[in-house]
């Protein structure tokens, strides 16, 4: 029986298919077992299926934990909101209601605000009209002052021209008087001098008349 079933054979297997630990010199394959490829594939499929199931289970656990955290957060937020509303209710209960507060509650303050707004708008409009009138008056006064300045400048120029003309006449008259006094001191008996004097006077008079 031993010779019939236990015999040596040579099997060619691709590299990577042998899972027996390799020894440095010679590997002993007496405990090796040949397994059909279909069995390996089946086992691999089972491993993949179980792995997918485990991953899905872990994802479900993660989603559950995330949802639980979200629910806890919402619960905490709602608890704080409830506490805040309770505190506000206490403040309202302890608040002293005045006449102004009653008007606000009843909505009368809205009408008052509208009246104040309308009054302010009218005041602003009146101020704008007054400002425009004042600007117009200032511009008119400014134009009037400019005209007066121009007239005064023209009048001043005319006076300066007249003063220069009068000064020229005065200088000419002074010259005539000076010549006249010099002529009277000369000898009156000389007829030629008298003729020259008369001619000179006439010339000076003509100059003075110009």
N, C-alpha and C. Protein backbone atom coordinates (compact mmCIF):
# COMPACT_ATOMS: atom_id res chain seq x y z
N UNK A 1 0.83 -1.20 0.00
CA UNK A 1 0.00 0.00 0.00
C UNK A 1 0.86 1.24 0.00
N UNK A 2 1.97 1.22 0.74
CA UNK A 2 2.81 2.39 0.83
C UNK A 2 3.44 2.70 -0.50
N UNK A 3 3.89 1.63 -1.19
CA UNK A 3 4.51 1.84 -2.49
C UNK A 3 3.47 2.29 -3.51
N UNK A 4 2.23 1.88 -3.33
CA UNK A 4 1.18 2.20 -4.31
C UNK A 4 0.74 3.66 -4.24
N UNK A 5 0.62 4.25 -3.07
CA UNK A 5 0.06 5.60 -2.94
C UNK A 5 1.13 6.66 -2.66
N UNK A 6 2.23 6.28 -2.01
CA UNK A 6 3.25 7.28 -1.71
C UNK A 6 4.37 7.15 -2.73
N UNK A 7 4.40 8.09 -3.66
CA UNK A 7 5.45 8.08 -4.67
C UNK A 7 5.84 9.52 -4.96
N UNK A 8 7.04 9.72 -5.44
CA UNK A 8 7.57 11.03 -5.74
C UNK A 8 7.18 11.44 -7.16
N UNK A 9 6.93 12.73 -7.29
CA UNK A 9 6.56 13.28 -8.61
C UNK A 9 7.13 14.68 -8.73
N UNK A 10 7.34 15.15 -9.93
CA UNK A 10 7.85 16.51 -10.20
C UNK A 10 6.70 17.38 -10.68
N UNK A 11 6.54 18.48 -10.00
CA UNK A 11 5.44 19.42 -10.31
C UNK A 11 6.07 20.79 -10.64
N UNK A 12 5.72 21.35 -11.78
CA UNK A 12 6.19 22.69 -12.17
C UNK A 12 5.13 23.72 -11.77
N UNK A 13 5.53 24.62 -10.91
CA UNK A 13 4.60 25.65 -10.40
C UNK A 13 5.21 27.04 -10.66
N UNK A 14 4.36 27.99 -11.06
CA UNK A 14 4.85 29.33 -11.31
C UNK A 14 5.32 29.99 -10.03
N UNK A 15 6.25 30.92 -10.19
CA UNK A 15 6.81 31.61 -9.03
C UNK A 15 5.73 32.42 -8.34
N UNK A 16 5.69 32.34 -7.03
CA UNK A 16 4.69 33.06 -6.25
C UNK A 16 3.52 32.19 -5.83
N UNK A 17 3.39 31.00 -6.43
CA UNK A 17 2.30 30.11 -6.06
C UNK A 17 2.68 29.21 -4.89
N UNK A 18 3.97 29.11 -4.62
CA UNK A 18 4.43 28.26 -3.52
C UNK A 18 4.45 29.10 -2.25
N UNK A 19 3.73 28.66 -1.24
CA UNK A 19 3.66 29.39 0.02
C UNK A 19 4.42 28.70 1.14
N UNK A 20 5.27 27.70 0.78
CA UNK A 20 6.11 27.02 1.77
C UNK A 20 7.35 27.86 2.00
N UNK A 21 7.73 28.16 3.23
CA UNK A 21 8.94 28.96 3.50
C UNK A 21 10.15 28.30 2.87
N UNK A 22 10.94 29.10 2.15
CA UNK A 22 12.12 28.60 1.47
C UNK A 22 13.32 28.58 2.42
N UNK A 23 14.07 27.44 2.38
CA UNK A 23 15.27 27.30 3.18
C UNK A 23 16.49 27.69 2.35
N UNK A 24 17.62 27.99 3.01
CA UNK A 24 18.79 28.46 2.25
C UNK A 24 19.32 27.41 1.29
N UNK A 25 19.32 26.13 1.67
CA UNK A 25 19.94 25.09 0.84
C UNK A 25 18.87 24.33 0.05
N UNK A 26 18.10 23.55 0.73
CA UNK A 26 17.06 22.75 0.07
C UNK A 26 15.80 22.80 0.91
N UNK A 27 14.68 23.04 0.26
CA UNK A 27 13.40 23.15 0.95
C UNK A 27 12.73 21.80 1.01
N UNK A 28 12.24 21.47 2.19
CA UNK A 28 11.58 20.17 2.38
C UNK A 28 10.10 20.35 2.13
N UNK A 29 9.58 19.64 1.15
CA UNK A 29 8.16 19.76 0.80
C UNK A 29 7.35 18.57 1.27
N UNK A 30 7.86 17.83 2.29
CA UNK A 30 7.14 16.63 2.72
C UNK A 30 5.81 16.96 3.37
N UNK A 31 5.71 18.15 3.97
CA UNK A 31 4.44 18.55 4.59
C UNK A 31 3.60 19.42 3.67
N UNK A 32 4.05 19.60 2.40
CA UNK A 32 3.31 20.47 1.48
C UNK A 32 2.03 19.80 1.00
N UNK A 33 1.05 20.59 0.72
CA UNK A 33 -0.26 20.09 0.27
C UNK A 33 -0.61 20.81 -1.02
N UNK A 34 -1.00 20.10 -2.04
CA UNK A 34 -1.47 20.68 -3.29
C UNK A 34 -2.97 20.98 -3.17
N UNK A 35 -3.29 22.24 -3.41
CA UNK A 35 -4.70 22.68 -3.30
C UNK A 35 -5.16 23.12 -4.67
N UNK A 36 -6.35 22.71 -5.04
CA UNK A 36 -6.90 23.09 -6.34
C UNK A 36 -7.15 24.61 -6.40
N UNK A 37 -6.97 25.22 -7.59
CA UNK A 37 -7.11 26.67 -7.77
C UNK A 37 -8.53 27.16 -7.47
N UNK A 38 -9.51 26.30 -7.79
CA UNK A 38 -10.90 26.71 -7.54
C UNK A 38 -11.16 26.87 -6.05
N UNK A 39 -10.50 26.01 -5.24
CA UNK A 39 -10.67 26.14 -3.78
C UNK A 39 -10.08 27.45 -3.29
N UNK A 40 -8.90 27.82 -3.84
CA UNK A 40 -8.27 29.10 -3.45
C UNK A 40 -9.15 30.27 -3.86
N UNK A 41 -9.68 30.22 -5.09
CA UNK A 41 -10.55 31.30 -5.55
C UNK A 41 -11.78 31.43 -4.66
N UNK A 42 -12.36 30.25 -4.30
CA UNK A 42 -13.54 30.29 -3.43
C UNK A 42 -13.21 30.92 -2.08
N UNK A 43 -12.06 30.52 -1.53
CA UNK A 43 -11.67 31.08 -0.24
C UNK A 43 -11.42 32.59 -0.35
N UNK A 44 -10.79 33.00 -1.45
CA UNK A 44 -10.55 34.43 -1.65
C UNK A 44 -11.86 35.21 -1.75
N UNK A 45 -12.82 34.64 -2.45
CA UNK A 45 -14.13 35.30 -2.54
C UNK A 45 -14.78 35.43 -1.17
N UNK A 46 -14.68 34.35 -0.39
CA UNK A 46 -15.23 34.42 0.96
C UNK A 46 -14.54 35.50 1.79
N UNK A 47 -13.21 35.59 1.63
CA UNK A 47 -12.47 36.63 2.37
C UNK A 47 -12.92 38.03 1.95
N UNK A 48 -13.10 38.20 0.63
CA UNK A 48 -13.54 39.52 0.13
C UNK A 48 -14.94 39.86 0.64
N UNK A 49 -15.83 38.86 0.61
CA UNK A 49 -17.21 39.09 1.08
C UNK A 49 -17.22 39.47 2.55
N UNK A 50 -16.47 38.70 3.34
CA UNK A 50 -16.43 39.01 4.77
C UNK A 50 -15.76 40.36 5.03
N UNK A 51 -14.73 40.66 4.22
CA UNK A 51 -14.09 41.97 4.37
C UNK A 51 -15.05 43.11 4.05
N UNK A 52 -15.83 42.94 2.94
CA UNK A 52 -16.83 43.97 2.59
C UNK A 52 -17.86 44.12 3.70
N UNK A 53 -18.32 42.98 4.23
CA UNK A 53 -19.29 43.05 5.32
C UNK A 53 -18.73 43.79 6.54
N UNK A 54 -17.46 43.51 6.83
CA UNK A 54 -16.84 44.16 7.98
C UNK A 54 -16.70 45.67 7.73
N UNK A 55 -16.32 46.02 6.49
CA UNK A 55 -16.18 47.45 6.15
C UNK A 55 -17.52 48.16 6.26
N UNK A 56 -18.59 47.50 5.71
CA UNK A 56 -19.92 48.10 5.80
C UNK A 56 -20.35 48.26 7.25
N UNK A 57 -20.04 47.24 8.06
CA UNK A 57 -20.38 47.33 9.47
C UNK A 57 -19.65 48.49 10.15
N UNK A 58 -18.36 48.65 9.82
CA UNK A 58 -17.59 49.75 10.40
C UNK A 58 -18.13 51.10 9.93
N UNK A 59 -18.52 51.19 8.65
CA UNK A 59 -19.10 52.44 8.14
C UNK A 59 -20.41 52.76 8.86
N UNK A 60 -21.23 51.70 9.07
CA UNK A 60 -22.50 51.90 9.78
C UNK A 60 -22.24 52.37 11.21
N UNK A 61 -21.23 51.77 11.85
CA UNK A 61 -20.90 52.19 13.23
C UNK A 61 -20.42 53.64 13.24
N UNK A 62 -19.58 54.00 12.21
CA UNK A 62 -19.09 55.38 12.13
C UNK A 62 -20.23 56.36 11.91
N UNK A 63 -21.15 56.01 11.00
CA UNK A 63 -22.30 56.89 10.76
C UNK A 63 -23.17 57.00 12.00
N UNK A 64 -23.34 55.90 12.70
CA UNK A 64 -24.14 55.94 13.92
C UNK A 64 -23.50 56.85 14.97
N UNK A 65 -22.15 56.73 15.11
CA UNK A 65 -21.46 57.59 16.08
C UNK A 65 -21.56 59.06 15.68
N UNK A 66 -21.41 59.32 14.36
CA UNK A 66 -21.53 60.71 13.89
C UNK A 66 -22.93 61.25 14.14
N UNK A 67 -23.95 60.42 13.81
CA UNK A 67 -25.33 60.84 14.07
C UNK A 67 -25.58 61.06 15.55
N UNK A 68 -25.00 60.18 16.38
CA UNK A 68 -25.18 60.33 17.82
C UNK A 68 -24.57 61.64 18.31
N UNK A 69 -23.38 61.97 17.78
CA UNK A 69 -22.74 63.24 18.16
C UNK A 69 -23.59 64.43 17.71
N UNK A 70 -24.17 64.29 16.49
CA UNK A 70 -25.01 65.37 15.98
C UNK A 70 -26.25 65.55 16.86
N UNK A 71 -26.84 64.44 17.23
CA UNK A 71 -28.03 64.51 18.09
C UNK A 71 -27.68 65.12 19.44
N UNK A 72 -26.55 64.72 19.99
CA UNK A 72 -26.13 65.29 21.28
C UNK A 72 -25.89 66.79 21.16
N UNK A 73 -25.26 67.19 20.04
CA UNK A 73 -25.01 68.62 19.85
C UNK A 73 -26.33 69.40 19.75
N UNK A 74 -27.27 68.86 18.95
CA UNK A 74 -28.56 69.52 18.83
C UNK A 74 -29.29 69.59 20.16
N UNK A 75 -29.20 68.52 20.93
CA UNK A 75 -29.84 68.51 22.25
C UNK A 75 -29.22 69.58 23.15
N UNK A 76 -27.88 69.68 23.10
CA UNK A 76 -27.21 70.69 23.91
C UNK A 76 -27.60 72.09 23.48
N UNK A 77 -27.67 72.31 22.16
CA UNK A 77 -28.06 73.63 21.66
C UNK A 77 -29.49 73.97 22.06
N UNK A 78 -30.40 73.00 21.93
CA UNK A 78 -31.79 73.25 22.32
C UNK A 78 -31.91 73.51 23.82
N UNK A 79 -31.12 72.79 24.61
CA UNK A 79 -31.13 73.04 26.06
C UNK A 79 -30.69 74.46 26.38
N UNK A 80 -29.64 74.92 25.67
CA UNK A 80 -29.16 76.30 25.90
C UNK A 80 -30.19 77.33 25.43
N UNK A 81 -30.86 77.05 24.30
CA UNK A 81 -31.90 77.97 23.83
C UNK A 81 -33.06 78.03 24.83
N UNK A 82 -33.44 76.87 25.36
CA UNK A 82 -34.51 76.84 26.38
C UNK A 82 -34.11 77.66 27.59
N UNK A 83 -32.86 77.50 28.01
CA UNK A 83 -32.37 78.25 29.16
C UNK A 83 -32.36 79.74 28.87
N UNK A 84 -31.96 80.11 27.64
CA UNK A 84 -31.94 81.52 27.26
C UNK A 84 -33.35 82.10 27.24
N UNK A 85 -34.31 81.35 26.69
CA UNK A 85 -35.70 81.82 26.67
C UNK A 85 -36.26 81.97 28.09
N UNK A 86 -35.89 81.05 28.95
CA UNK A 86 -36.35 81.15 30.33
C UNK A 86 -35.80 82.41 31.00
N UNK A 87 -34.51 82.70 30.75
CA UNK A 87 -33.91 83.91 31.32
C UNK A 87 -34.57 85.16 30.76
N UNK A 88 -34.85 85.14 29.47
CA UNK A 88 -35.52 86.30 28.87
C UNK A 88 -36.93 86.48 29.43
N UNK A 89 -37.62 85.36 29.63
CA UNK A 89 -38.96 85.44 30.21
C UNK A 89 -38.90 86.05 31.62
N UNK A 90 -37.88 85.66 32.39
CA UNK A 90 -37.72 86.25 33.73
C UNK A 90 -37.47 87.75 33.62
N UNK A 91 -36.61 88.16 32.65
CA UNK A 91 -36.33 89.59 32.48
C UNK A 91 -37.59 90.35 32.12
N UNK A 92 -38.42 89.76 31.23
CA UNK A 92 -39.67 90.43 30.84
C UNK A 92 -40.61 90.54 32.03
N UNK A 93 -40.67 89.49 32.83
CA UNK A 93 -41.56 89.51 34.00
C UNK A 93 -41.11 90.54 35.04
N UNK A 94 -39.81 90.70 35.19
CA UNK A 94 -39.29 91.64 36.18
C UNK A 94 -39.10 93.05 35.63
N UNK A 95 -39.35 93.23 34.32
CA UNK A 95 -39.13 94.55 33.71
C UNK A 95 -40.23 95.51 34.12
N UNK A 96 -39.81 96.74 34.43
CA UNK A 96 -40.78 97.76 34.84
C UNK A 96 -41.36 98.43 33.60
N UNK A 97 -42.67 98.31 33.42
CA UNK A 97 -43.33 98.84 32.23
C UNK A 97 -43.62 100.32 32.44
N UNK A 98 -43.09 101.16 31.56
CA UNK A 98 -43.33 102.60 31.61
C UNK A 98 -44.31 103.00 30.51
N UNK A 99 -44.63 104.28 30.50
CA UNK A 99 -45.56 104.78 29.49
C UNK A 99 -44.96 104.63 28.10
N UNK A 100 -43.68 104.91 27.99
CA UNK A 100 -43.01 104.78 26.70
C UNK A 100 -43.01 103.32 26.24
N UNK A 101 -42.78 102.42 27.20
CA UNK A 101 -42.79 100.99 26.85
C UNK A 101 -44.17 100.56 26.38
N UNK A 102 -45.23 101.05 27.03
CA UNK A 102 -46.59 100.73 26.60
C UNK A 102 -46.85 101.23 25.19
N UNK A 103 -46.35 102.43 24.88
CA UNK A 103 -46.53 102.96 23.53
C UNK A 103 -45.82 102.09 22.50
N UNK A 104 -44.63 101.61 22.87
CA UNK A 104 -43.89 100.74 21.95
C UNK A 104 -44.64 99.44 21.74
N UNK A 105 -45.18 98.87 22.83
CA UNK A 105 -45.92 97.61 22.73
C UNK A 105 -47.18 97.79 21.89
N UNK A 106 -47.85 98.91 22.06
CA UNK A 106 -49.10 99.16 21.35
C UNK A 106 -48.86 99.66 19.92
N UNK A 107 -47.63 99.97 19.58
CA UNK A 107 -47.32 100.42 18.22
C UNK A 107 -47.51 101.90 18.01
N UNK A 108 -47.73 102.68 19.07
CA UNK A 108 -47.92 104.12 18.91
C UNK A 108 -46.61 104.83 18.55
N UNK A 109 -45.49 104.22 18.92
CA UNK A 109 -44.20 104.87 18.65
C UNK A 109 -43.93 104.98 17.14
N UNK A 110 -44.55 104.06 16.36
CA UNK A 110 -44.33 104.12 14.91
C UNK A 110 -44.92 105.39 14.32
N UNK A 111 -46.12 105.73 14.77
CA UNK A 111 -46.75 106.96 14.29
C UNK A 111 -45.95 108.17 14.72
N UNK A 112 -45.45 108.14 15.94
CA UNK A 112 -44.64 109.26 16.43
C UNK A 112 -43.35 109.39 15.63
N UNK A 113 -42.73 108.25 15.32
CA UNK A 113 -41.50 108.28 14.52
C UNK A 113 -41.77 108.85 13.14
N UNK A 114 -42.91 108.49 12.56
CA UNK A 114 -43.24 109.02 11.24
C UNK A 114 -43.44 110.53 11.30
N UNK A 115 -44.12 111.02 12.36
CA UNK A 115 -44.31 112.46 12.51
C UNK A 115 -42.98 113.17 12.69
N UNK A 116 -42.10 112.59 13.51
CA UNK A 116 -40.77 113.19 13.70
C UNK A 116 -39.99 113.21 12.38
N UNK A 117 -40.10 112.13 11.63
CA UNK A 117 -39.40 112.06 10.35
C UNK A 117 -39.92 113.12 9.39
N UNK A 118 -41.24 113.28 9.34
CA UNK A 118 -41.83 114.29 8.46
C UNK A 118 -41.42 115.69 8.88
N UNK A 119 -41.41 115.92 10.19
CA UNK A 119 -41.01 117.24 10.69
C UNK A 119 -39.54 117.54 10.33
N UNK A 120 -38.70 116.55 10.49
CA UNK A 120 -37.29 116.74 10.15
C UNK A 120 -37.10 116.99 8.65
N UNK A 121 -37.87 116.27 7.84
CA UNK A 121 -37.78 116.48 6.39
C UNK A 121 -38.20 117.90 6.02
N UNK A 122 -39.26 118.40 6.66
CA UNK A 122 -39.69 119.78 6.41
C UNK A 122 -38.62 120.79 6.84
N UNK A 123 -38.00 120.52 7.99
CA UNK A 123 -36.93 121.42 8.46
C UNK A 123 -35.76 121.42 7.49
N UNK A 124 -35.40 120.24 7.00
CA UNK A 124 -34.29 120.15 6.04
C UNK A 124 -34.63 120.91 4.76
N UNK A 125 -35.87 120.74 4.29
CA UNK A 125 -36.30 121.44 3.09
C UNK A 125 -36.26 122.95 3.28
N UNK A 126 -36.73 123.42 4.46
CA UNK A 126 -36.72 124.84 4.74
C UNK A 126 -35.29 125.38 4.81
N UNK A 127 -34.41 124.61 5.44
CA UNK A 127 -33.01 125.03 5.53
C UNK A 127 -32.36 125.11 4.15
N UNK A 128 -32.68 124.14 3.29
CA UNK A 128 -32.13 124.18 1.94
C UNK A 128 -32.63 125.41 1.18
N UNK A 129 -33.93 125.73 1.31
CA UNK A 129 -34.47 126.91 0.64
C UNK A 129 -33.80 128.18 1.16
N UNK A 130 -33.64 128.28 2.50
CA UNK A 130 -32.98 129.45 3.07
C UNK A 130 -31.54 129.56 2.60
N UNK A 131 -30.88 128.42 2.52
CA UNK A 131 -29.49 128.43 2.06
C UNK A 131 -29.40 128.91 0.61
N UNK A 132 -30.33 128.46 -0.25
CA UNK A 132 -30.33 128.89 -1.63
C UNK A 132 -30.58 130.39 -1.74
N UNK A 133 -31.52 130.90 -0.94
CA UNK A 133 -31.80 132.34 -0.95
C UNK A 133 -30.58 133.13 -0.49
N UNK A 134 -29.94 132.64 0.56
CA UNK A 134 -28.77 133.34 1.08
C UNK A 134 -27.63 133.34 0.05
N UNK A 135 -27.44 132.21 -0.63
CA UNK A 135 -26.42 132.13 -1.67
C UNK A 135 -26.72 133.11 -2.80
N UNK A 136 -28.00 133.19 -3.19
CA UNK A 136 -28.40 134.11 -4.26
C UNK A 136 -28.12 135.55 -3.85
N UNK A 137 -28.47 135.90 -2.59
CA UNK A 137 -28.24 137.26 -2.10
C UNK A 137 -26.74 137.58 -2.08
N UNK A 138 -25.95 136.62 -1.62
CA UNK A 138 -24.49 136.83 -1.57
C UNK A 138 -23.93 137.03 -2.97
N UNK A 139 -24.41 136.25 -3.93
CA UNK A 139 -23.93 136.39 -5.30
C UNK A 139 -24.31 137.75 -5.88
N UNK A 140 -25.55 138.19 -5.60
CA UNK A 140 -25.97 139.51 -6.08
C UNK A 140 -25.12 140.62 -5.45
N UNK A 141 -24.88 140.52 -4.13
CA UNK A 141 -24.04 141.52 -3.45
C UNK A 141 -22.63 141.51 -4.01
N UNK A 142 -22.12 140.33 -4.29
CA UNK A 142 -20.78 140.21 -4.85
C UNK A 142 -20.69 140.88 -6.22
N UNK A 143 -21.70 140.65 -7.08
CA UNK A 143 -21.71 141.27 -8.40
C UNK A 143 -21.81 142.80 -8.29
N UNK A 144 -22.65 143.26 -7.34
CA UNK A 144 -22.80 144.70 -7.14
C UNK A 144 -21.49 145.33 -6.69
N UNK A 145 -20.80 144.65 -5.77
CA UNK A 145 -19.51 145.17 -5.29
C UNK A 145 -18.48 145.20 -6.41
N UNK A 146 -18.50 144.20 -7.28
CA UNK A 146 -17.57 144.21 -8.41
C UNK A 146 -17.83 145.40 -9.33
N UNK A 147 -19.14 145.68 -9.58
CA UNK A 147 -19.47 146.83 -10.42
C UNK A 147 -19.00 148.13 -9.78
N UNK A 148 -19.24 148.27 -8.47
CA UNK A 148 -18.81 149.48 -7.77
C UNK A 148 -17.30 149.63 -7.80
N UNK A 149 -16.60 148.51 -7.65
CA UNK A 149 -15.13 148.57 -7.70
C UNK A 149 -14.65 149.04 -9.07
N UNK A 150 -15.28 148.49 -10.13
CA UNK A 150 -14.89 148.92 -11.47
C UNK A 150 -15.18 150.42 -11.67
N UNK A 151 -16.36 150.88 -11.19
CA UNK A 151 -16.70 152.30 -11.33
C UNK A 151 -15.71 153.17 -10.57
N UNK A 152 -15.36 152.74 -9.34
CA UNK A 152 -14.39 153.52 -8.55
C UNK A 152 -13.03 153.55 -9.23
N UNK A 153 -12.63 152.44 -9.82
CA UNK A 153 -11.35 152.42 -10.52
C UNK A 153 -11.35 153.38 -11.71
N UNK A 154 -12.47 153.36 -12.47
CA UNK A 154 -12.57 154.29 -13.60
C UNK A 154 -12.56 155.73 -13.12
N UNK A 155 -13.30 156.02 -12.04
CA UNK A 155 -13.34 157.37 -11.49
C UNK A 155 -11.95 157.80 -11.00
N UNK A 156 -11.24 156.85 -10.37
CA UNK A 156 -9.90 157.16 -9.88
C UNK A 156 -8.96 157.48 -11.04
N UNK A 157 -9.06 156.71 -12.13
CA UNK A 157 -8.23 156.98 -13.29
C UNK A 157 -8.52 158.35 -13.89
N UNK A 158 -9.83 158.68 -13.96
CA UNK A 158 -10.21 160.00 -14.48
C UNK A 158 -9.65 161.12 -13.60
N UNK A 159 -9.74 160.94 -12.26
CA UNK A 159 -9.21 161.96 -11.35
C UNK A 159 -7.69 162.10 -11.49
N UNK A 160 -7.01 160.96 -11.67
CA UNK A 160 -5.56 161.02 -11.85
C UNK A 160 -5.19 161.76 -13.13
N UNK A 161 -5.94 161.49 -14.22
CA UNK A 161 -5.68 162.20 -15.48
C UNK A 161 -5.93 163.69 -15.33
N UNK A 162 -7.02 164.04 -14.63
CA UNK A 162 -7.33 165.46 -14.42
C UNK A 162 -6.27 166.14 -13.56
N UNK A 163 -5.82 165.41 -12.52
CA UNK A 163 -4.78 166.00 -11.66
C UNK A 163 -3.49 166.23 -12.44
N UNK A 164 -3.11 165.28 -13.30
CA UNK A 164 -1.92 165.49 -14.12
C UNK A 164 -2.06 166.69 -15.04
N UNK A 165 -3.28 166.83 -15.65
CA UNK A 165 -3.53 167.97 -16.53
C UNK A 165 -3.45 169.29 -15.78
N UNK A 166 -4.06 169.31 -14.57
CA UNK A 166 -4.02 170.55 -13.77
C UNK A 166 -2.60 170.87 -13.34
N UNK A 167 -1.85 169.87 -12.98
CA UNK A 167 -0.46 170.10 -12.58
C UNK A 167 0.34 170.68 -13.74
N UNK A 168 0.08 170.15 -14.96
CA UNK A 168 0.76 170.69 -16.14
C UNK A 168 0.41 172.16 -16.35
N UNK A 169 -0.88 172.51 -16.20
CA UNK A 169 -1.30 173.91 -16.36
C UNK A 169 -0.64 174.81 -15.32
N UNK A 170 -0.61 174.29 -14.07
CA UNK A 170 0.02 175.09 -13.01
C UNK A 170 1.49 175.33 -13.31
N UNK A 171 2.18 174.28 -13.77
CA UNK A 171 3.61 174.45 -14.11
C UNK A 171 3.80 175.46 -15.23
N UNK A 172 2.90 175.41 -16.23
CA UNK A 172 3.00 176.37 -17.33
C UNK A 172 2.77 177.79 -16.85
N UNK A 173 1.76 177.96 -15.97
CA UNK A 173 1.47 179.30 -15.43
C UNK A 173 2.65 179.82 -14.60
N UNK A 174 3.25 178.90 -13.82
CA UNK A 174 4.41 179.32 -13.05
C UNK A 174 5.54 179.79 -13.97
N UNK A 175 5.71 179.07 -15.05
CA UNK A 175 6.76 179.48 -16.00
C UNK A 175 6.46 180.83 -16.61
N UNK A 176 5.17 181.08 -16.93
CA UNK A 176 4.78 182.38 -17.51
C UNK A 176 5.03 183.50 -16.51
N UNK A 177 4.62 183.27 -15.26
CA UNK A 177 4.82 184.31 -14.23
C UNK A 177 6.29 184.58 -14.01
N UNK A 178 7.10 183.54 -14.08
CA UNK A 178 8.53 183.73 -13.88
C UNK A 178 9.13 184.54 -15.00
N UNK A 179 8.69 184.26 -16.23
CA UNK A 179 9.18 185.03 -17.37
C UNK A 179 8.72 186.47 -17.31
N UNK A 180 7.49 186.65 -16.87
CA UNK A 180 6.94 188.00 -16.77
C UNK A 180 7.71 188.85 -15.77
N UNK A 181 8.02 188.24 -14.63
CA UNK A 181 8.76 188.99 -13.61
C UNK A 181 10.16 189.30 -14.08
N UNK A 182 10.78 188.43 -14.84
CA UNK A 182 12.12 188.68 -15.36
C UNK A 182 12.10 189.78 -16.41
N UNK A 183 11.04 189.84 -17.19
CA UNK A 183 10.94 190.86 -18.24
C UNK A 183 10.75 192.25 -17.64
N UNK A 184 9.99 192.36 -16.57
CA UNK A 184 9.72 193.66 -15.95
C UNK A 184 10.97 194.26 -15.34
N UNK A 185 11.90 193.49 -14.98
CA UNK A 185 13.13 194.03 -14.39
C UNK A 185 14.07 194.59 -15.44
N UNK A 186 13.89 194.23 -16.70
CA UNK A 186 14.75 194.75 -17.78
C UNK A 186 14.40 196.20 -18.11
N UNK A 187 15.13 196.79 -18.97
CA UNK A 187 14.94 198.20 -19.38
C UNK A 187 13.66 198.31 -20.18
N UNK A 188 12.69 199.12 -19.71
CA UNK A 188 11.42 199.29 -20.41
C UNK A 188 11.57 200.18 -21.64
N UNK A 189 12.64 200.91 -21.75
CA UNK A 189 12.78 201.87 -22.85
C UNK A 189 13.18 201.21 -24.15
N UNK A 190 13.64 199.98 -24.11
CA UNK A 190 14.10 199.31 -25.32
C UNK A 190 12.92 198.76 -26.08
N UNK A 191 12.55 199.28 -27.25
CA UNK A 191 11.37 198.82 -27.99
C UNK A 191 11.53 197.40 -28.51
N UNK A 192 12.75 197.05 -28.91
CA UNK A 192 12.94 195.70 -29.46
C UNK A 192 12.69 194.63 -28.40
N UNK A 193 13.08 194.94 -27.19
CA UNK A 193 12.84 194.00 -26.10
C UNK A 193 11.35 193.87 -25.83
N UNK A 194 10.61 194.97 -25.91
CA UNK A 194 9.16 194.91 -25.68
C UNK A 194 8.48 194.04 -26.73
N UNK A 195 8.94 194.23 -27.99
CA UNK A 195 8.33 193.44 -29.07
C UNK A 195 8.60 191.96 -28.84
N UNK A 196 9.86 191.67 -28.49
CA UNK A 196 10.19 190.26 -28.22
C UNK A 196 9.40 189.73 -27.03
N UNK A 197 9.21 190.58 -26.04
CA UNK A 197 8.45 190.14 -24.86
C UNK A 197 7.02 189.84 -25.20
N UNK A 198 6.42 190.72 -26.03
CA UNK A 198 5.01 190.52 -26.41
C UNK A 198 4.88 189.22 -27.20
N UNK A 199 5.81 189.02 -28.15
CA UNK A 199 5.75 187.80 -28.94
C UNK A 199 5.93 186.55 -28.07
N UNK A 200 6.85 186.66 -27.13
CA UNK A 200 7.08 185.53 -26.23
C UNK A 200 5.87 185.25 -25.37
N UNK A 201 5.22 186.30 -24.87
CA UNK A 201 3.99 186.13 -24.06
C UNK A 201 2.91 185.45 -24.87
N UNK A 202 2.78 185.96 -26.12
CA UNK A 202 1.73 185.39 -26.96
C UNK A 202 1.96 183.91 -27.18
N UNK A 203 3.19 183.57 -27.39
CA UNK A 203 3.52 182.17 -27.59
C UNK A 203 3.21 181.34 -26.35
N UNK A 204 3.54 181.92 -25.18
CA UNK A 204 3.26 181.18 -23.93
C UNK A 204 1.76 181.05 -23.69
N UNK A 205 0.99 182.06 -24.03
CA UNK A 205 -0.45 182.00 -23.88
C UNK A 205 -1.06 180.91 -24.77
N UNK A 206 -0.50 180.85 -26.01
CA UNK A 206 -0.99 179.82 -26.92
C UNK A 206 -0.70 178.44 -26.37
N UNK A 207 0.49 178.33 -25.82
CA UNK A 207 0.84 177.01 -25.20
C UNK A 207 -0.06 176.69 -24.04
N UNK A 208 -0.35 177.72 -23.21
CA UNK A 208 -1.20 177.52 -22.04
C UNK A 208 -2.63 177.15 -22.45
N UNK A 209 -3.13 177.75 -23.55
CA UNK A 209 -4.48 177.45 -23.99
C UNK A 209 -4.60 176.02 -24.51
N UNK A 210 -3.49 175.51 -25.07
CA UNK A 210 -3.55 174.14 -25.55
C UNK A 210 -3.68 173.16 -24.38
